[in-house]
Amino acid sequence: MGQMLGTWPTKEINLEMNDTPTFPPTKGFTFKRGERVMEACQEDLMSAKIPIQFRDYCAHYLLDYQICRYKYMPFVVRCAHEKHAYLECEHQDYLLRMKEFERERRLRERELRVQKKAKECK
């Protein structure tokens, strides 16, 4: 069975699912990584009454979807493209968060291996 992602296999390196990264975002990369920015402003999200738990990096797609639903109300099937764009953005965001978790796990394990090897050499 393959290694599972999550908090149970990462107890020995003290990594929880909602921990903030402890390593710089450029560690392990040879190229410059762009910083993620919110494209929707908070005023728009508040005026559209978007709940706080949905105010993430995909909120601008959710705004487009909500506007389309309001415009074509009984015929919301016309908003399939906007809904697909929002769900695809959420999926990509989930994948990115999983990759960042895995990167953090591997860097922490590497740091422990290096420390253990340094102790053995002394």
PDB file of N, CA and C in Angstrom:
ATOM      1  N   MET A   1       0.838  -1.175   0.000  1.00  0.00           N
ATOM      2  CA  MET A   1       0.000   0.000   0.000  1.00  0.00           C
ATOM      3  C   MET A   1       0.886   1.241   0.000  1.00  0.00           C
ATOM      4  N   GLY A   2       0.545   2.246  -0.817  1.00  0.00           N
ATOM      5  CA  GLY A   2       1.338   3.461  -0.926  1.00  0.00           C
ATOM      6  C   GLY A   2       1.233   4.330   0.309  1.00  0.00           C
ATOM      7  N   GLN A   3       2.104   5.293   0.400  1.00  0.00           N
ATOM      8  CA  GLN A   3       2.098   6.183   1.543  1.00  0.00           C
ATOM      9  C   GLN A   3       0.913   7.135   1.471  1.00  0.00           C
ATOM     10  N   MET A   4       0.232   7.280   2.579  1.00  0.00           N
ATOM     11  CA  MET A   4      -0.952   8.146   2.631  1.00  0.00           C
ATOM     12  C   MET A   4      -0.537   9.568   2.966  1.00  0.00           C
ATOM     13  N   LEU A   5      -1.271  10.523   2.404  1.00  0.00           N
ATOM     14  CA  LEU A   5      -1.068  11.914   2.767  1.00  0.00           C
ATOM     15  C   LEU A   5      -2.040  12.274   3.872  1.00  0.00           C
ATOM     16  N   GLY A   6      -1.656  13.128   4.735  1.00  0.00           N
ATOM     17  CA  GLY A   6      -2.524  13.526   5.831  1.00  0.00           C
ATOM     18  C   GLY A   6      -1.724  13.641   7.106  1.00  0.00           C
ATOM     19  N   THR A   7      -2.404  13.686   8.227  1.00  0.00           N
ATOM     20  CA  THR A   7      -1.705  13.934   9.474  1.00  0.00           C
ATOM     21  C   THR A   7      -1.209  12.667  10.154  1.00  0.00           C
ATOM     22  N   TRP A   8      -1.850  11.507   9.948  1.00  0.00           N
ATOM     23  CA  TRP A   8      -1.411  10.310  10.651  1.00  0.00           C
ATOM     24  C   TRP A   8       0.016   9.908  10.299  1.00  0.00           C
ATOM     25  N   PRO A   9       0.408   9.813   9.027  1.00  0.00           N
ATOM     26  CA  PRO A   9       1.786   9.419   8.743  1.00  0.00           C
ATOM     27  C   PRO A   9       2.813  10.517   9.016  1.00  0.00           C
ATOM     28  N   THR A  10       2.364  11.713   9.350  1.00  0.00           N
ATOM     29  CA  THR A  10       3.311  12.814   9.545  1.00  0.00           C
ATOM     30  C   THR A  10       3.448  13.208  11.017  1.00  0.00           C
ATOM     31  N   LYS A  11       2.969  12.378  11.919  1.00  0.00           N
ATOM     32  CA  LYS A  11       3.069  12.689  13.347  1.00  0.00           C
ATOM     33  C   LYS A  11       4.517  12.757  13.808  1.00  0.00           C
ATOM     34  N   GLU A  12       5.368  11.872  13.270  1.00  0.00           N
ATOM     35  CA  GLU A  12       6.759  11.836  13.736  1.00  0.00           C
ATOM     36  C   GLU A  12       7.555  13.069  13.318  1.00  0.00           C
ATOM     37  N   ILE A  13       7.102  13.797  12.315  1.00  0.00           N
ATOM     38  CA  ILE A  13       7.810  15.024  11.920  1.00  0.00           C
ATOM     39  C   ILE A  13       7.055  16.267  12.351  1.00  0.00           C
ATOM     40  N   ASN A  14       5.992  16.074  13.165  1.00  0.00           N
ATOM     41  CA  ASN A  14       5.233  17.178  13.755  1.00  0.00           C
ATOM     42  C   ASN A  14       4.629  18.090  12.684  1.00  0.00           C
ATOM     43  N   LEU A  15       3.919  17.481  11.732  1.00  0.00           N
ATOM     44  CA  LEU A  15       3.286  18.233  10.648  1.00  0.00           C
ATOM     45  C   LEU A  15       1.790  17.975  10.666  1.00  0.00           C
ATOM     46  N   GLU A  16       1.036  19.037  10.790  1.00  0.00           N
ATOM     47  CA  GLU A  16      -0.425  18.968  10.758  1.00  0.00           C
ATOM     48  C   GLU A  16      -0.920  19.544   9.444  1.00  0.00           C
ATOM     49  N   MET A  17      -2.168  19.268   9.093  1.00  0.00           N
ATOM     50  CA  MET A  17      -2.697  19.681   7.795  1.00  0.00           C
ATOM     51  C   MET A  17      -2.771  21.193   7.632  1.00  0.00           C
ATOM     52  N   ASN A  18      -3.042  21.937   8.692  1.00  0.00           N
ATOM     53  CA  ASN A  18      -3.231  23.385   8.577  1.00  0.00           C
ATOM     54  C   ASN A  18      -2.007  24.183   9.027  1.00  0.00           C
ATOM     55  N   ASP A  19      -0.860  23.538   9.137  1.00  0.00           N
ATOM     56  CA  ASP A  19       0.360  24.254   9.528  1.00  0.00           C
ATOM     57  C   ASP A  19       0.797  25.210   8.425  1.00  0.00           C
ATOM     58  N   THR A  20       1.370  26.316   8.839  1.00  0.00           N
ATOM     59  CA  THR A  20       1.944  27.231   7.862  1.00  0.00           C
ATOM     60  C   THR A  20       3.318  26.700   7.460  1.00  0.00           C
ATOM     61  N   PRO A  21       3.753  26.954   6.233  1.00  0.00           N
ATOM     62  CA  PRO A  21       5.058  26.450   5.795  1.00  0.00           C
ATOM     63  C   PRO A  21       6.195  27.007   6.633  1.00  0.00           C
ATOM     64  N   THR A  22       7.183  26.178   6.914  1.00  0.00           N
ATOM     65  CA  THR A  22       8.325  26.609   7.713  1.00  0.00           C
ATOM     66  C   THR A  22       9.544  26.894   6.850  1.00  0.00           C
ATOM     67  N   PHE A  23       9.487  26.526   5.590  1.00  0.00           N
ATOM     68  CA  PHE A  23      10.616  26.732   4.683  1.00  0.00           C
ATOM     69  C   PHE A  23      10.288  27.865   3.712  1.00  0.00           C
ATOM     70  N   PRO A  24      11.306  28.563   3.209  1.00  0.00           N
ATOM     71  CA  PRO A  24      11.035  29.613   2.219  1.00  0.00           C
ATOM     72  C   PRO A  24      10.409  29.021   0.959  1.00  0.00           C
ATOM     73  N   PRO A  25       9.542  29.767   0.294  1.00  0.00           N
ATOM     74  CA  PRO A  25       8.846  29.211  -0.878  1.00  0.00           C
ATOM     75  C   PRO A  25       9.757  28.895  -2.051  1.00  0.00           C
ATOM     76  N   THR A  26      10.986  29.399  -2.052  1.00  0.00           N
ATOM     77  CA  THR A  26      11.896  29.140  -3.165  1.00  0.00           C
ATOM     78  C   THR A  26      12.820  27.955  -2.911  1.00  0.00           C
ATOM     79  N   LYS A  27      12.789  27.395  -1.701  1.00  0.00           N
ATOM     80  CA  LYS A  27      13.692  26.283  -1.380  1.00  0.00           C
ATOM     81  C   LYS A  27      13.313  25.066  -2.210  1.00  0.00           C
ATOM     82  N   GLY A  28      14.275  24.530  -2.927  1.00  0.00           N
ATOM     83  CA  GLY A  28      14.056  23.361  -3.754  1.00  0.00           C
ATOM     84  C   GLY A  28      13.677  23.685  -5.188  1.00  0.00           C
ATOM     85  N   PHE A  29      13.597  24.953  -5.533  1.00  0.00           N
ATOM     86  CA  PHE A  29      13.237  25.354  -6.889  1.00  0.00           C
ATOM     87  C   PHE A  29      14.370  26.157  -7.502  1.00  0.00           C
ATOM     88  N   THR A  30      14.562  25.983  -8.801  1.00  0.00           N
ATOM     89  CA  THR A  30      15.593  26.750  -9.497  1.00  0.00           C
ATOM     90  C   THR A  30      15.009  27.980 -10.170  1.00  0.00           C
ATOM     91  N   PHE A  31      13.696  28.101 -10.185  1.00  0.00           N
ATOM     92  CA  PHE A  31      13.039  29.243 -10.809  1.00  0.00           C
ATOM     93  C   PHE A  31      12.279  30.032  -9.760  1.00  0.00           C
ATOM     94  N   LYS A  32      11.928  31.255 -10.090  1.00  0.00           N
ATOM     95  CA  LYS A  32      11.192  32.106  -9.168  1.00  0.00           C
ATOM     96  C   LYS A  32       9.710  31.763  -9.243  1.00  0.00           C
ATOM     97  N   ARG A  33       9.136  31.473  -8.107  1.00  0.00           N
ATOM     98  CA  ARG A  33       7.719  31.151  -8.040  1.00  0.00           C
ATOM     99  C   ARG A  33       6.922  32.419  -7.817  1.00  0.00           C
ATOM    100  N   GLY A  34       5.823  32.565  -8.556  1.00  0.00           N
ATOM    101  CA  GLY A  34       4.971  33.740  -8.400  1.00  0.00           C
ATOM    102  C   GLY A  34       4.096  33.632  -7.171  1.00  0.00           C
ATOM    103  N   GLU A  35       3.830  34.752  -6.543  1.00  0.00           N
ATOM    104  CA  GLU A  35       2.969  34.770  -5.372  1.00  0.00           C
ATOM    105  C   GLU A  35       1.513  34.798  -5.817  1.00  0.00           C
ATOM    106  N   ARG A  36       0.679  34.046  -5.144  1.00  0.00           N
ATOM    107  CA  ARG A  36      -0.741  34.006  -5.487  1.00  0.00           C
ATOM    108  C   ARG A  36      -1.427  35.244  -4.929  1.00  0.00           C
ATOM    109  N   VAL A  37      -2.312  35.815  -5.731  1.00  0.00           N
ATOM    110  CA  VAL A  37      -3.044  37.006  -5.299  1.00  0.00           C
ATOM    111  C   VAL A  37      -4.541  36.792  -5.517  1.00  0.00           C
ATOM    112  N   MET A  38      -5.319  37.445  -4.681  1.00  0.00           N
ATOM    113  CA  MET A  38      -6.774  37.417  -4.831  1.00  0.00           C
ATOM    114  C   MET A  38      -7.150  38.359  -5.974  1.00  0.00           C
ATOM    115  N   GLU A  39      -7.971  37.879  -6.886  1.00  0.00           N
ATOM    116  CA  GLU A  39      -8.408  38.713  -8.004  1.00  0.00           C
ATOM    117  C   GLU A  39      -9.702  39.444  -7.689  1.00  0.00           C
ATOM    118  N   ALA A  40     -10.474  38.955  -6.741  1.00  0.00           N
ATOM    119  CA  ALA A  40     -11.727  39.610  -6.355  1.00  0.00           C
ATOM    120  C   ALA A  40     -11.469  40.459  -5.116  1.00  0.00           C
ATOM    121  N   CYS A  41     -12.015  41.661  -5.103  1.00  0.00           N
ATOM    122  CA  CYS A  41     -11.822  42.513  -3.932  1.00  0.00           C
ATOM    123  C   CYS A  41     -12.889  42.188  -2.880  1.00  0.00           C
ATOM    124  N   GLN A  42     -12.559  42.507  -1.636  1.00  0.00           N
ATOM    125  CA  GLN A  42     -13.440  42.173  -0.524  1.00  0.00           C
ATOM    126  C   GLN A  42     -14.794  42.877  -0.607  1.00  0.00           C
ATOM    127  N   GLU A  43     -14.808  44.089  -1.147  1.00  0.00           N
ATOM    128  CA  GLU A  43     -16.082  44.819  -1.260  1.00  0.00           C
ATOM    129  C   GLU A  43     -17.055  44.091  -2.187  1.00  0.00           C
ATOM    130  N   ASP A  44     -16.526  43.568  -3.300  1.00  0.00           N
ATOM    131  CA  ASP A  44     -17.381  42.817  -4.223  1.00  0.00           C
ATOM    132  C   ASP A  44     -17.912  41.545  -3.575  1.00  0.00           C
ATOM    133  N   LEU A  45     -17.059  40.871  -2.834  1.00  0.00           N
ATOM    134  CA  LEU A  45     -17.480  39.638  -2.183  1.00  0.00           C
ATOM    135  C   LEU A  45     -18.518  39.915  -1.094  1.00  0.00           C
ATOM    136  N   MET A  46     -18.345  41.005  -0.374  1.00  0.00           N
ATOM    137  CA  MET A  46     -19.313  41.361   0.656  1.00  0.00           C
ATOM    138  C   MET A  46     -20.645  41.775   0.040  1.00  0.00           C
ATOM    139  N   SER A  47     -20.599  42.546  -1.043  1.00  0.00           N
ATOM    140  CA  SER A  47     -21.849  42.987  -1.666  1.00  0.00           C
ATOM    141  C   SER A  47     -22.591  41.820  -2.322  1.00  0.00           C
ATOM    142  N   ALA A  48     -21.871  40.793  -2.766  1.00  0.00           N
ATOM    143  CA  ALA A  48     -22.507  39.615  -3.350  1.00  0.00           C
ATOM    144  C   ALA A  48     -22.915  38.604  -2.275  1.00  0.00           C
ATOM    145  N   LYS A  49     -22.603  38.914  -1.009  1.00  0.00           N
ATOM    146  CA  LYS A  49     -22.934  38.058   0.130  1.00  0.00           C
ATOM    147  C   LYS A  49     -22.327  36.655  -0.010  1.00  0.00           C
ATOM    148  N   ILE A  50     -21.077  36.632  -0.468  1.00  0.00           N
ATOM    149  CA  ILE A  50     -20.340  35.368  -0.554  1.00  0.00           C
ATOM    150  C   ILE A  50     -19.891  35.004   0.865  1.00  0.00           C
ATOM    151  N   PRO A  51     -20.223  33.810   1.353  1.00  0.00           N
ATOM    152  CA  PRO A  51     -19.797  33.423   2.709  1.00  0.00           C
ATOM    153  C   PRO A  51     -18.273  33.408   2.837  1.00  0.00           C
ATOM    154  N   ILE A  52     -17.801  33.632   4.052  1.00  0.00           N
ATOM    155  CA  ILE A  52     -16.364  33.765   4.297  1.00  0.00           C
ATOM    156  C   ILE A  52     -15.609  32.512   3.888  1.00  0.00           C
ATOM    157  N   GLN A  53     -16.183  31.330   4.094  1.00  0.00           N
ATOM    158  CA  GLN A  53     -15.456  30.102   3.774  1.00  0.00           C
ATOM    159  C   GLN A  53     -15.235  29.931   2.275  1.00  0.00           C
ATOM    160  N   PHE A  54     -15.934  30.685   1.436  1.00  0.00           N
ATOM    161  CA  PHE A  54     -15.747  30.595  -0.016  1.00  0.00           C
ATOM    162  C   PHE A  54     -14.914  31.750  -0.571  1.00  0.00           C
ATOM    163  N   ARG A  55     -14.395  32.595   0.280  1.00  0.00           N
ATOM    164  CA  ARG A  55     -13.580  33.731  -0.175  1.00  0.00           C
ATOM    165  C   ARG A  55     -12.118  33.301  -0.276  1.00  0.00           C
ATOM    166  N   ASP A  56     -11.822  32.560  -1.307  1.00  0.00           N
ATOM    167  CA  ASP A  56     -10.474  32.062  -1.517  1.00  0.00           C
ATOM    168  C   ASP A  56      -9.958  32.567  -2.863  1.00  0.00           C
ATOM    169  N   TYR A  57      -8.949  31.913  -3.388  1.00  0.00           N
ATOM    170  CA  TYR A  57      -8.353  32.360  -4.646  1.00  0.00           C
ATOM    171  C   TYR A  57      -9.260  32.156  -5.852  1.00  0.00           C
ATOM    172  N   CYS A  58     -10.334  31.415  -5.687  1.00  0.00           N
ATOM    173  CA  CYS A  58     -11.278  31.168  -6.783  1.00  0.00           C
ATOM    174  C   CYS A  58     -12.545  31.999  -6.655  1.00  0.00           C
ATOM    175  N   ALA A  59     -12.557  32.957  -5.768  1.00  0.00           N
ATOM    176  CA  ALA A  59     -13.774  33.721  -5.500  1.00  0.00           C
ATOM    177  C   ALA A  59     -14.229  34.524  -6.718  1.00  0.00           C
ATOM    178  N   HIS A  60     -13.319  34.949  -7.578  1.00  0.00           N
ATOM    179  CA  HIS A  60     -13.743  35.714  -8.755  1.00  0.00           C
ATOM    180  C   HIS A  60     -14.546  34.844  -9.715  1.00  0.00           C
ATOM    181  N   TYR A  61     -14.238  33.549  -9.772  1.00  0.00           N
ATOM    182  CA  TYR A  61     -15.047  32.635 -10.590  1.00  0.00           C
ATOM    183  C   TYR A  61     -16.416  32.415  -9.948  1.00  0.00           C
ATOM    184  N   LEU A  62     -16.449  32.349  -8.635  1.00  0.00           N
ATOM    185  CA  LEU A  62     -17.719  32.202  -7.939  1.00  0.00           C
ATOM    186  C   LEU A  62     -18.594  33.431  -8.150  1.00  0.00           C
ATOM    187  N   LEU A  63     -17.981  34.604  -8.156  1.00  0.00           N
ATOM    188  CA  LEU A  63     -18.741  35.832  -8.440  1.00  0.00           C
ATOM    189  C   LEU A  63     -19.357  35.776  -9.833  1.00  0.00           C
ATOM    190  N   ASP A  64     -18.576  35.376 -10.815  1.00  0.00           N
ATOM    191  CA  ASP A  64     -19.107  35.253 -12.180  1.00  0.00           C
ATOM    192  C   ASP A  64     -20.263  34.265 -12.235  1.00  0.00           C
ATOM    193  N   TYR A  65     -20.122  33.168 -11.523  1.00  0.00           N
ATOM    194  CA  TYR A  65     -21.172  32.155 -11.504  1.00  0.00           C
ATOM    195  C   TYR A  65     -22.441  32.683 -10.827  1.00  0.00           C
ATOM    196  N   GLN A  66     -22.286  33.391  -9.721  1.00  0.00           N
ATOM    197  CA  GLN A  66     -23.451  33.947  -9.025  1.00  0.00           C
ATOM    198  C   GLN A  66     -24.146  35.009  -9.878  1.00  0.00           C
ATOM    199  N   ILE A  67     -23.384  35.825 -10.576  1.00  0.00           N
ATOM    200  CA  ILE A  67     -23.972  36.849 -11.458  1.00  0.00           C
ATOM    201  C   ILE A  67     -24.757  36.176 -12.575  1.00  0.00           C
ATOM    202  N   CYS A  68     -24.190  35.141 -13.157  1.00  0.00           N
ATOM    203  CA  CYS A  68     -24.870  34.411 -14.227  1.00  0.00           C
ATOM    204  C   CYS A  68     -26.157  33.769 -13.710  1.00  0.00           C
ATOM    205  N   ARG A  69     -26.111  33.190 -12.531  1.00  0.00           N
ATOM    206  CA  ARG A  69     -27.315  32.582 -11.956  1.00  0.00           C
ATOM    207  C   ARG A  69     -28.394  33.622 -11.723  1.00  0.00           C
ATOM    208  N   TYR A  70     -27.996  34.800 -11.274  1.00  0.00           N
ATOM    209  CA  TYR A  70     -28.969  35.871 -11.043  1.00  0.00           C
ATOM    210  C   TYR A  70     -29.581  36.336 -12.364  1.00  0.00           C
ATOM    211  N   LYS A  71     -28.743  36.400 -13.387  1.00  0.00           N
ATOM    212  CA  LYS A  71     -29.200  36.893 -14.696  1.00  0.00           C
ATOM    213  C   LYS A  71     -30.168  35.923 -15.373  1.00  0.00           C
ATOM    214  N   TYR A  72     -29.886  34.627 -15.308  1.00  0.00           N
ATOM    215  CA  TYR A  72     -30.681  33.627 -16.023  1.00  0.00           C
ATOM    216  C   TYR A  72     -31.488  32.747 -15.054  1.00  0.00           C
ATOM    217  N   MET A  73     -32.055  33.313 -14.002  1.00  0.00           N
ATOM    218  CA  MET A  73     -32.537  32.546 -12.866  1.00  0.00           C
ATOM    219  C   MET A  73     -33.329  31.276 -13.169  1.00  0.00           C
ATOM    220  N   PRO A  74     -34.386  31.192 -13.812  1.00  0.00           N
ATOM    221  CA  PRO A  74     -34.942  29.839 -13.861  1.00  0.00           C
ATOM    222  C   PRO A  74     -34.143  28.911 -14.766  1.00  0.00           C
ATOM    223  N   PHE A  75     -33.317  29.489 -15.642  1.00  0.00           N
ATOM    224  CA  PHE A  75     -32.553  28.681 -16.601  1.00  0.00           C
ATOM    225  C   PHE A  75     -31.068  28.681 -16.228  1.00  0.00           C
ATOM    226  N   VAL A  76     -30.766  28.178 -15.042  1.00  0.00           N
ATOM    227  CA  VAL A  76     -29.376  28.215 -14.567  1.00  0.00           C
ATOM    228  C   VAL A  76     -28.481  27.260 -15.341  1.00  0.00           C
ATOM    229  N   VAL A  77     -29.055  26.421 -16.178  1.00  0.00           N
ATOM    230  CA  VAL A  77     -28.235  25.529 -16.994  1.00  0.00           C
ATOM    231  C   VAL A  77     -27.372  26.331 -17.973  1.00  0.00           C
ATOM    232  N   ARG A  78     -27.772  27.554 -18.237  1.00  0.00           N
ATOM    233  CA  ARG A  78     -26.968  28.418 -19.113  1.00  0.00           C
ATOM    234  C   ARG A  78     -25.650  28.839 -18.460  1.00  0.00           C
ATOM    235  N   CYS A  79     -25.526  28.601 -17.177  1.00  0.00           N
ATOM    236  CA  CYS A  79     -24.324  29.001 -16.445  1.00  0.00           C
ATOM    237  C   CYS A  79     -23.355  27.836 -16.254  1.00  0.00           C
ATOM    238  N   ALA A  80     -23.481  26.816 -17.059  1.00  0.00           N
ATOM    239  CA  ALA A  80     -22.634  25.633 -16.909  1.00  0.00           C
ATOM    240  C   ALA A  80     -21.159  25.970 -17.106  1.00  0.00           C
ATOM    241  N   HIS A  81     -20.856  26.892 -18.018  1.00  0.00           N
ATOM    242  CA  HIS A  81     -19.461  27.254 -18.260  1.00  0.00           C
ATOM    243  C   HIS A  81     -18.865  27.944 -17.030  1.00  0.00           C
ATOM    244  N   GLU A  82     -19.599  28.859 -16.438  1.00  0.00           N
ATOM    245  CA  GLU A  82     -19.113  29.562 -15.249  1.00  0.00           C
ATOM    246  C   GLU A  82     -18.947  28.603 -14.073  1.00  0.00           C
ATOM    247  N   LYS A  83     -19.902  27.675 -13.932  1.00  0.00           N
ATOM    248  CA  LYS A  83     -19.806  26.692 -12.852  1.00  0.00           C
ATOM    249  C   LYS A  83     -18.587  25.795 -13.056  1.00  0.00           C
ATOM    250  N   HIS A  84     -18.368  25.368 -14.288  1.00  0.00           N
ATOM    251  CA  HIS A  84     -17.214  24.518 -14.575  1.00  0.00           C
ATOM    252  C   HIS A  84     -15.906  25.261 -14.295  1.00  0.00           C
ATOM    253  N   ALA A  85     -15.834  26.527 -14.665  1.00  0.00           N
ATOM    254  CA  ALA A  85     -14.621  27.316 -14.417  1.00  0.00           C
ATOM    255  C   ALA A  85     -14.353  27.428 -12.912  1.00  0.00           C
ATOM    256  N   TYR A  86     -15.403  27.646 -12.136  1.00  0.00           N
ATOM    257  CA  TYR A  86     -15.239  27.743 -10.684  1.00  0.00           C
ATOM    258  C   TYR A  86     -14.783  26.412 -10.094  1.00  0.00           C
ATOM    259  N   LEU A  87     -15.430  25.329 -10.471  1.00  0.00           N
ATOM    260  CA  LEU A  87     -15.064  24.020  -9.920  1.00  0.00           C
ATOM    261  C   LEU A  87     -13.663  23.589 -10.356  1.00  0.00           C
ATOM    262  N   GLU A  88     -13.278  23.935 -11.567  1.00  0.00           N
ATOM    263  CA  GLU A  88     -11.922  23.624 -12.031  1.00  0.00           C
ATOM    264  C   GLU A  88     -10.885  24.412 -11.234  1.00  0.00           C
ATOM    265  N   CYS A  89     -11.171  25.670 -10.950  1.00  0.00           N
ATOM    266  CA  CYS A  89     -10.265  26.486 -10.134  1.00  0.00           C
ATOM    267  C   CYS A  89     -10.139  25.901  -8.735  1.00  0.00           C
ATOM    268  N   GLU A  90     -11.245  25.467  -8.141  1.00  0.00           N
ATOM    269  CA  GLU A  90     -11.205  24.853  -6.816  1.00  0.00           C
ATOM    270  C   GLU A  90     -10.380  23.568  -6.834  1.00  0.00           C
ATOM    271  N   HIS A  91     -10.516  22.793  -7.888  1.00  0.00           N
ATOM    272  CA  HIS A  91      -9.746  21.556  -8.016  1.00  0.00           C
ATOM    273  C   HIS A  91      -8.252  21.849  -8.125  1.00  0.00           C
ATOM    274  N   GLN A  92      -7.895  22.830  -8.947  1.00  0.00           N
ATOM    275  CA  GLN A  92      -6.486  23.193  -9.098  1.00  0.00           C
ATOM    276  C   GLN A  92      -5.916  23.744  -7.792  1.00  0.00           C
ATOM    277  N   ASP A  93      -6.730  24.504  -7.050  1.00  0.00           N
ATOM    278  CA  ASP A  93      -6.299  25.029  -5.761  1.00  0.00           C
ATOM    279  C   ASP A  93      -6.052  23.883  -4.772  1.00  0.00           C
ATOM    280  N   TYR A  94      -6.922  22.892  -4.776  1.00  0.00           N
ATOM    281  CA  TYR A  94      -6.751  21.724  -3.909  1.00  0.00           C
ATOM    282  C   TYR A  94      -5.467  20.978  -4.258  1.00  0.00           C
ATOM    283  N   LEU A  95      -5.219  20.775  -5.541  1.00  0.00           N
ATOM    284  CA  LEU A  95      -3.992  20.095  -5.956  1.00  0.00           C
ATOM    285  C   LEU A  95      -2.747  20.866  -5.523  1.00  0.00           C
ATOM    286  N   LEU A  96      -2.795  22.181  -5.658  1.00  0.00           N
ATOM    287  CA  LEU A  96      -1.658  23.000  -5.249  1.00  0.00           C
ATOM    288  C   LEU A  96      -1.414  22.896  -3.748  1.00  0.00           C
ATOM    289  N   ARG A  97      -2.478  22.916  -2.956  1.00  0.00           N
ATOM    290  CA  ARG A  97      -2.315  22.779  -1.512  1.00  0.00           C
ATOM    291  C   ARG A  97      -1.766  21.410  -1.138  1.00  0.00           C
ATOM    292  N   MET A  98      -2.198  20.364  -1.838  1.00  0.00           N
ATOM    293  CA  MET A  98      -1.668  19.025  -1.574  1.00  0.00           C
ATOM    294  C   MET A  98      -0.184  18.948  -1.936  1.00  0.00           C
ATOM    295  N   LYS A  99       0.203  19.572  -3.030  1.00  0.00           N
ATOM    296  CA  LYS A  99       1.612  19.577  -3.432  1.00  0.00           C
ATOM    297  C   LYS A  99       2.461  20.354  -2.423  1.00  0.00           C
ATOM    298  N   GLU A 100       1.920  21.458  -1.910  1.00  0.00           N
ATOM    299  CA  GLU A 100       2.655  22.230  -0.908  1.00  0.00           C
ATOM    300  C   GLU A 100       2.805  21.438   0.387  1.00  0.00           C
ATOM    301  N   PHE A 101       1.771  20.691   0.772  1.00  0.00           N
ATOM    302  CA  PHE A 101       1.855  19.844   1.961  1.00  0.00           C
ATOM    303  C   PHE A 101       2.929  18.772   1.766  1.00  0.00           C
ATOM    304  N   GLU A 102       2.931  18.148   0.613  1.00  0.00           N
ATOM    305  CA  GLU A 102       3.922  17.111   0.325  1.00  0.00           C
ATOM    306  C   GLU A 102       5.337  17.695   0.297  1.00  0.00           C
ATOM    307  N   ARG A 103       5.487  18.884  -0.263  1.00  0.00           N
ATOM    308  CA  ARG A 103       6.796  19.550  -0.290  1.00  0.00           C
ATOM    309  C   ARG A 103       7.283  19.818   1.130  1.00  0.00           C
ATOM    310  N   GLU A 104       6.393  20.313   1.984  1.00  0.00           N
ATOM    311  CA  GLU A 104       6.744  20.590   3.378  1.00  0.00           C
ATOM    312  C   GLU A 104       7.137  19.293   4.095  1.00  0.00           C
ATOM    313  N   ARG A 105       6.396  18.220   3.862  1.00  0.00           N
ATOM    314  CA  ARG A 105       6.691  16.936   4.489  1.00  0.00           C
ATOM    315  C   ARG A 105       8.073  16.438   4.071  1.00  0.00           C
ATOM    316  N   ARG A 106       8.354  16.494   2.780  1.00  0.00           N
ATOM    317  CA  ARG A 106       9.646  16.008   2.292  1.00  0.00           C
ATOM    318  C   ARG A 106      10.805  16.850   2.800  1.00  0.00           C
ATOM    319  N   LEU A 107      10.623  18.171   2.867  1.00  0.00           N
ATOM    320  CA  LEU A 107      11.695  19.034   3.371  1.00  0.00           C
ATOM    321  C   LEU A 107      11.942  18.791   4.855  1.00  0.00           C
ATOM    322  N   ARG A 108      10.873  18.567   5.620  1.00  0.00           N
ATOM    323  CA  ARG A 108      11.063  18.274   7.046  1.00  0.00           C
ATOM    324  C   ARG A 108      11.758  16.937   7.246  1.00  0.00           C
ATOM    325  N   GLU A 109      11.379  15.944   6.461  1.00  0.00           N
ATOM    326  CA  GLU A 109      12.052  14.645   6.575  1.00  0.00           C
ATOM    327  C   GLU A 109      13.519  14.755   6.177  1.00  0.00           C
ATOM    328  N   ARG A 110      13.805  15.534   5.150  1.00  0.00           N
ATOM    329  CA  ARG A 110      15.200  15.740   4.726  1.00  0.00           C
ATOM    330  C   ARG A 110      15.994  16.417   5.830  1.00  0.00           C
ATOM    331  N   GLU A 111      15.392  17.421   6.475  1.00  0.00           N
ATOM    332  CA  GLU A 111      16.066  18.122   7.557  1.00  0.00           C
ATOM    333  C   GLU A 111      16.380  17.173   8.715  1.00  0.00           C
ATOM    334  N   LEU A 112      15.452  16.281   9.042  1.00  0.00           N
ATOM    335  CA  LEU A 112      15.702  15.300  10.104  1.00  0.00           C
ATOM    336  C   LEU A 112      16.807  14.330   9.716  1.00  0.00           C
ATOM    337  N   ARG A 113      16.842  13.888   8.443  1.00  0.00           N
ATOM    338  CA  ARG A 113      17.905  12.993   7.988  1.00  0.00           C
ATOM    339  C   ARG A 113      19.272  13.666   8.071  1.00  0.00           C
ATOM    340  N   VAL A 114      19.338  14.927   7.682  1.00  0.00           N
ATOM    341  CA  VAL A 114      20.605  15.670   7.727  1.00  0.00           C
ATOM    342  C   VAL A 114      21.063  15.830   9.170  1.00  0.00           C
ATOM    343  N   GLN A 115      20.140  16.145  10.088  1.00  0.00           N
ATOM    344  CA  GLN A 115      20.503  16.290  11.492  1.00  0.00           C
ATOM    345  C   GLN A 115      20.978  14.961  12.070  1.00  0.00           C
ATOM    346  N   LYS A 116      20.310  13.879  11.717  1.00  0.00           N
ATOM    347  CA  LYS A 116      20.700  12.555  12.212  1.00  0.00           C
ATOM    348  C   LYS A 116      22.069  12.168  11.695  1.00  0.00           C
ATOM    349  N   LYS A 117      22.336  12.445  10.429  1.00  0.00           N
ATOM    350  CA  LYS A 117      23.629  12.123   9.847  1.00  0.00           C
ATOM    351  C   LYS A 117      24.735  12.959  10.476  1.00  0.00           C
ATOM    352  N   ALA A 118      24.433  14.235  10.795  1.00  0.00           N
ATOM    353  CA  ALA A 118      25.437  15.097  11.428  1.00  0.00           C
ATOM    354  C   ALA A 118      25.771  14.599  12.834  1.00  0.00           C
ATOM    355  N   LYS A 119      24.783  14.066  13.554  1.00  0.00           N
ATOM    356  CA  LYS A 119      25.037  13.516  14.878  1.00  0.00           C
ATOM    357  C   LYS A 119      25.876  12.254  14.818  1.00  0.00           C
ATOM    358  N   GLU A 120      25.652  11.437  13.804  1.00  0.00           N
ATOM    359  CA  GLU A 120      26.420  10.196  13.648  1.00  0.00           C
ATOM    360  C   GLU A 120      27.868  10.466  13.292  1.00  0.00           C
ATOM    361  N   CYS A 121      28.124  11.520  12.563  1.00  0.00           N
ATOM    362  CA  CYS A 121      29.500  11.844  12.143  1.00  0.00           C
ATOM    363  C   CYS A 121      30.321  12.420  13.272  1.00  0.00           C
ATOM    364  N   LYS A 122      29.700  12.947  14.303  1.00  0.00           N
ATOM    365  CA  LYS A 122      30.457  13.566  15.407  1.00  0.00           C
ATOM    366  C   LYS A 122      31.017  12.570  16.352  1.00  0.00           C
TER     367      LYS A 122
END
